[in-house]
């Protein structure tokens, strides 16, 4: 048997692993190594090749894509995996953009204690607002009678609001549109109550 024939056999075996119903840890490791180029392609599209958080999230997304891929779907695995990986990298980017950066004010003659107390008060007010919003989300979840909507919101709350809609849909075994509907409902409720 020649080397090219052996590579053809290995390629067929790797493709069969994707459609194996109960994958072992070794199967998943093989599939991760086979499809790792999808990770680096997505990272390069977002200019995040050297971002450890984005790379870690992308590896987790590929693992999730392998575990949740519907073998009866008409979408190719690479298309599905790229969508999952891009969503997860996008989550990391959004999280990085939302991080608060606190500057340390050096003590010198230009230091103004009024400005410092204003920033401390605004941070305290922001925390109070966040606590109130969390309580409103909990109230909304308790009010919901629809079990699917309630499950979606519980998963979203349990993940500390840091989970993709696709992941919620997968966990709750529902559609992304149902997840969007549930999340839009709670957001409307909370924003309406906060305005009052």
Protein backbone atom coordinates (compact mmCIF):
# COMPACT_ATOMS: atom_id res chain seq x y z
CA UNK A 1 0.00 0.00 0.00
CA UNK A 2 1.42 3.37 -1.05
CA UNK A 3 1.47 6.51 1.10
CA UNK A 4 -1.20 8.24 -1.02
CA UNK A 5 -3.52 5.23 -0.64
CA UNK A 6 -2.97 5.28 3.13
CA UNK A 7 -3.82 9.02 3.24
CA UNK A 8 -7.02 8.35 1.26
CA UNK A 9 -8.03 5.66 3.77
CA UNK A 10 -7.28 8.00 6.69
CA UNK A 11 -9.34 10.80 5.07
CA UNK A 12 -12.30 8.45 4.65
CA UNK A 13 -11.97 7.30 8.28
CA UNK A 14 -11.82 10.93 9.52
CA UNK A 15 -14.94 11.84 7.54
CA UNK A 16 -16.74 8.82 8.99
CA UNK A 17 -15.85 10.00 12.52
CA UNK A 18 -17.94 13.10 11.98
CA UNK A 19 -21.03 10.95 11.42
CA UNK A 20 -20.33 8.58 14.30
CA UNK A 21 -23.24 8.85 16.80
CA UNK A 22 -21.24 8.42 20.01
CA UNK A 23 -17.82 9.92 19.59
CA UNK A 24 -15.04 8.96 21.96
CA UNK A 25 -12.52 11.46 23.31
CA UNK A 26 -9.98 10.16 20.80
CA UNK A 27 -12.48 10.68 17.93
CA UNK A 28 -13.09 14.27 19.01
CA UNK A 29 -9.34 14.92 19.29
CA UNK A 30 -8.84 13.61 15.75
CA UNK A 31 -11.69 15.78 14.45
CA UNK A 32 -10.30 18.82 16.29
CA UNK A 33 -6.91 18.34 14.63
CA UNK A 34 -8.49 17.76 11.21
CA UNK A 35 -10.63 20.91 11.36
CA UNK A 36 -8.28 23.24 13.27
CA UNK A 37 -7.70 25.32 10.13
CA UNK A 38 -11.27 26.59 10.48
CA UNK A 39 -10.27 28.15 13.81
CA UNK A 40 -7.26 29.98 12.40
CA UNK A 41 -9.19 31.09 9.32
CA UNK A 42 -11.90 32.65 11.55
CA UNK A 43 -9.34 34.22 13.89
CA UNK A 44 -7.54 35.79 10.92
CA UNK A 45 -10.84 37.20 9.59
CA UNK A 46 -11.30 39.06 12.89
CA UNK A 47 -7.59 39.95 13.20
CA UNK A 48 -7.41 37.96 16.46
CA UNK A 49 -4.67 35.43 15.64
CA UNK A 50 -2.63 36.46 18.70
CA UNK A 51 -5.54 36.91 21.11
CA UNK A 52 -5.48 34.06 23.65
CA UNK A 53 -9.11 34.62 24.75
CA UNK A 54 -10.40 34.53 21.18
CA UNK A 55 -8.35 31.43 20.35
CA UNK A 56 -9.55 29.61 23.45
CA UNK A 57 -13.17 30.50 22.64
CA UNK A 58 -12.66 29.34 19.05
CA UNK A 59 -11.31 25.94 20.18
CA UNK A 60 -14.31 25.53 22.51
CA UNK A 61 -16.64 26.51 19.67
CA UNK A 62 -15.10 23.90 17.35
CA UNK A 63 -15.52 21.27 20.06
CA UNK A 64 -19.17 22.33 20.48
CA UNK A 65 -19.69 22.26 16.72
CA UNK A 66 -18.35 18.70 16.55
CA UNK A 67 -20.57 17.64 19.45
CA UNK A 68 -23.77 19.36 18.21
CA UNK A 69 -23.52 18.92 14.44
CA UNK A 70 -26.71 17.44 13.01
CA UNK A 71 -25.51 14.74 10.63
CA UNK A 72 -28.87 14.78 8.80
CA UNK A 73 -28.64 18.49 8.03
CA UNK A 74 -28.02 19.67 4.47
CA UNK A 75 -25.43 22.21 5.69
CA UNK A 76 -21.82 21.07 5.41
CA UNK A 77 -19.95 20.65 8.68
CA UNK A 78 -17.37 23.31 7.81
CA UNK A 79 -20.13 25.87 7.17
CA UNK A 80 -21.80 25.03 10.47
CA UNK A 81 -18.51 25.05 12.40
CA UNK A 82 -17.42 28.41 10.94
CA UNK A 83 -20.74 29.96 11.99
CA UNK A 84 -20.36 28.65 15.56
CA UNK A 85 -16.71 29.74 15.77
CA UNK A 86 -17.44 33.23 14.38
CA UNK A 87 -20.27 33.69 16.88
CA UNK A 88 -18.02 32.72 19.78
CA UNK A 89 -15.18 34.99 18.62
CA UNK A 90 -17.73 37.79 18.21
CA UNK A 91 -18.82 37.22 21.82
CA UNK A 92 -15.22 37.60 22.98
CA UNK A 93 -14.79 40.79 20.96
CA UNK A 94 -18.02 42.27 22.36
CA UNK A 95 -16.95 41.33 25.88
CA UNK A 96 -13.56 42.95 25.38
CA UNK A 97 -15.20 46.12 24.07
CA UNK A 98 -17.51 46.30 27.10
CA UNK A 99 -14.82 45.92 29.75
CA UNK A 100 -14.43 48.90 31.97
CA UNK A 101 -10.92 50.18 32.24
CA UNK A 102 -10.26 51.94 35.51
CA UNK A 103 -7.45 54.43 35.38
CA UNK A 104 -5.29 54.98 38.42
CA UNK A 105 -5.14 58.69 39.09
CA UNK A 106 -1.66 59.66 40.30
CA UNK A 107 -1.67 61.92 43.31
CA UNK A 108 -0.16 65.26 42.44
CA UNK A 109 -1.09 68.92 42.54
CA UNK A 110 -3.52 68.45 39.61
CA UNK A 111 -5.59 65.91 41.55
CA UNK A 112 -9.18 67.12 41.97
CA UNK A 113 -11.10 65.28 44.72
CA UNK A 114 -14.43 66.50 43.28
CA UNK A 115 -13.76 64.66 40.00
CA UNK A 116 -12.71 61.53 41.89
CA UNK A 117 -15.87 61.53 44.03
CA UNK A 118 -18.01 62.06 40.91
CA UNK A 119 -16.51 59.00 39.23
CA UNK A 120 -16.95 56.97 42.42
CA UNK A 121 -20.60 58.08 42.66
CA UNK A 122 -21.25 57.23 39.01
CA UNK A 123 -19.71 53.78 39.50
CA UNK A 124 -21.90 53.27 42.58
CA UNK A 125 -24.99 54.39 40.64
CA UNK A 126 -24.10 52.01 37.80
CA UNK A 127 -23.84 49.13 40.27
CA UNK A 128 -27.21 50.04 41.80
CA UNK A 129 -28.76 50.13 38.32
CA UNK A 130 -27.25 46.74 37.48
CA UNK A 131 -28.57 45.21 40.72
CA UNK A 132 -32.04 46.60 40.00
CA UNK A 133 -31.92 45.20 36.43
CA UNK A 134 -30.92 41.76 37.74
CA UNK A 135 -33.87 41.80 40.17
CA UNK A 136 -36.23 42.76 37.36
CA UNK A 137 -34.93 39.88 35.22
CA UNK A 138 -35.56 37.47 38.10
CA UNK A 139 -39.09 38.87 38.54
CA UNK A 140 -39.79 38.45 34.83
CA UNK A 141 -38.56 34.85 34.87
CA UNK A 142 -40.81 34.07 37.86
CA UNK A 143 -43.83 35.56 36.05
CA UNK A 144 -43.40 33.45 32.90
CA UNK A 145 -45.77 30.51 32.52
CA UNK A 146 -44.47 29.18 29.18
CA UNK A 147 -41.93 26.49 30.05
CA UNK A 148 -39.81 26.94 26.91
CA UNK A 149 -39.49 30.70 27.45
CA UNK A 150 -38.77 30.18 31.13
CA UNK A 151 -36.05 27.60 30.35
CA UNK A 152 -34.45 29.97 27.81
CA UNK A 153 -34.34 32.77 30.36
CA UNK A 154 -33.01 30.50 33.12
CA UNK A 155 -30.15 29.31 30.88
CA UNK A 156 -29.40 32.92 29.88
CA UNK A 157 -29.42 34.07 33.52
CA UNK A 158 -27.34 31.08 34.69
CA UNK A 159 -24.67 31.95 32.11
CA UNK A 160 -24.58 35.46 33.60
CA UNK A 161 -26.04 36.81 30.31
CA UNK A 162 -22.83 35.78 28.52
CA UNK A 163 -23.97 33.07 26.09
CA UNK A 164 -24.86 33.05 22.41
CA UNK A 165 -28.42 32.63 21.19
CA UNK A 166 -27.31 29.56 19.24
CA UNK A 167 -25.99 27.92 22.39
CA UNK A 168 -29.21 28.70 24.28
CA UNK A 169 -31.24 27.23 21.41
CA UNK A 170 -29.09 24.10 21.45
CA UNK A 171 -29.33 23.66 25.21
CA UNK A 172 -33.10 24.30 25.32
CA UNK A 173 -33.77 22.34 22.13
CA UNK A 174 -35.63 25.17 20.47
CA UNK A 175 -35.16 27.60 17.59
CA UNK A 176 -33.02 30.73 17.60
CA UNK A 177 -36.11 32.78 16.76
CA UNK A 178 -37.80 31.55 19.97
CA UNK A 179 -34.66 32.52 21.92
CA UNK A 180 -34.67 36.00 20.31
CA UNK A 181 -38.36 36.39 21.14
CA UNK A 182 -37.78 35.47 24.80
CA UNK A 183 -34.73 37.72 25.19
CA UNK A 184 -36.46 40.65 23.47
CA UNK A 185 -39.41 40.23 25.85
CA UNK A 186 -37.26 40.38 28.98
CA UNK A 187 -35.26 43.31 27.63
CA UNK A 188 -38.44 45.27 26.87
CA UNK A 189 -39.79 44.51 30.35
CA UNK A 190 -36.59 45.53 32.15
CA UNK A 191 -36.03 48.71 30.11
CA UNK A 192 -39.68 49.73 30.61
CA UNK A 193 -39.44 49.24 34.37
CA UNK A 194 -36.13 51.08 34.61
CA UNK A 195 -37.60 54.09 32.81
CA UNK A 196 -40.45 54.28 35.35
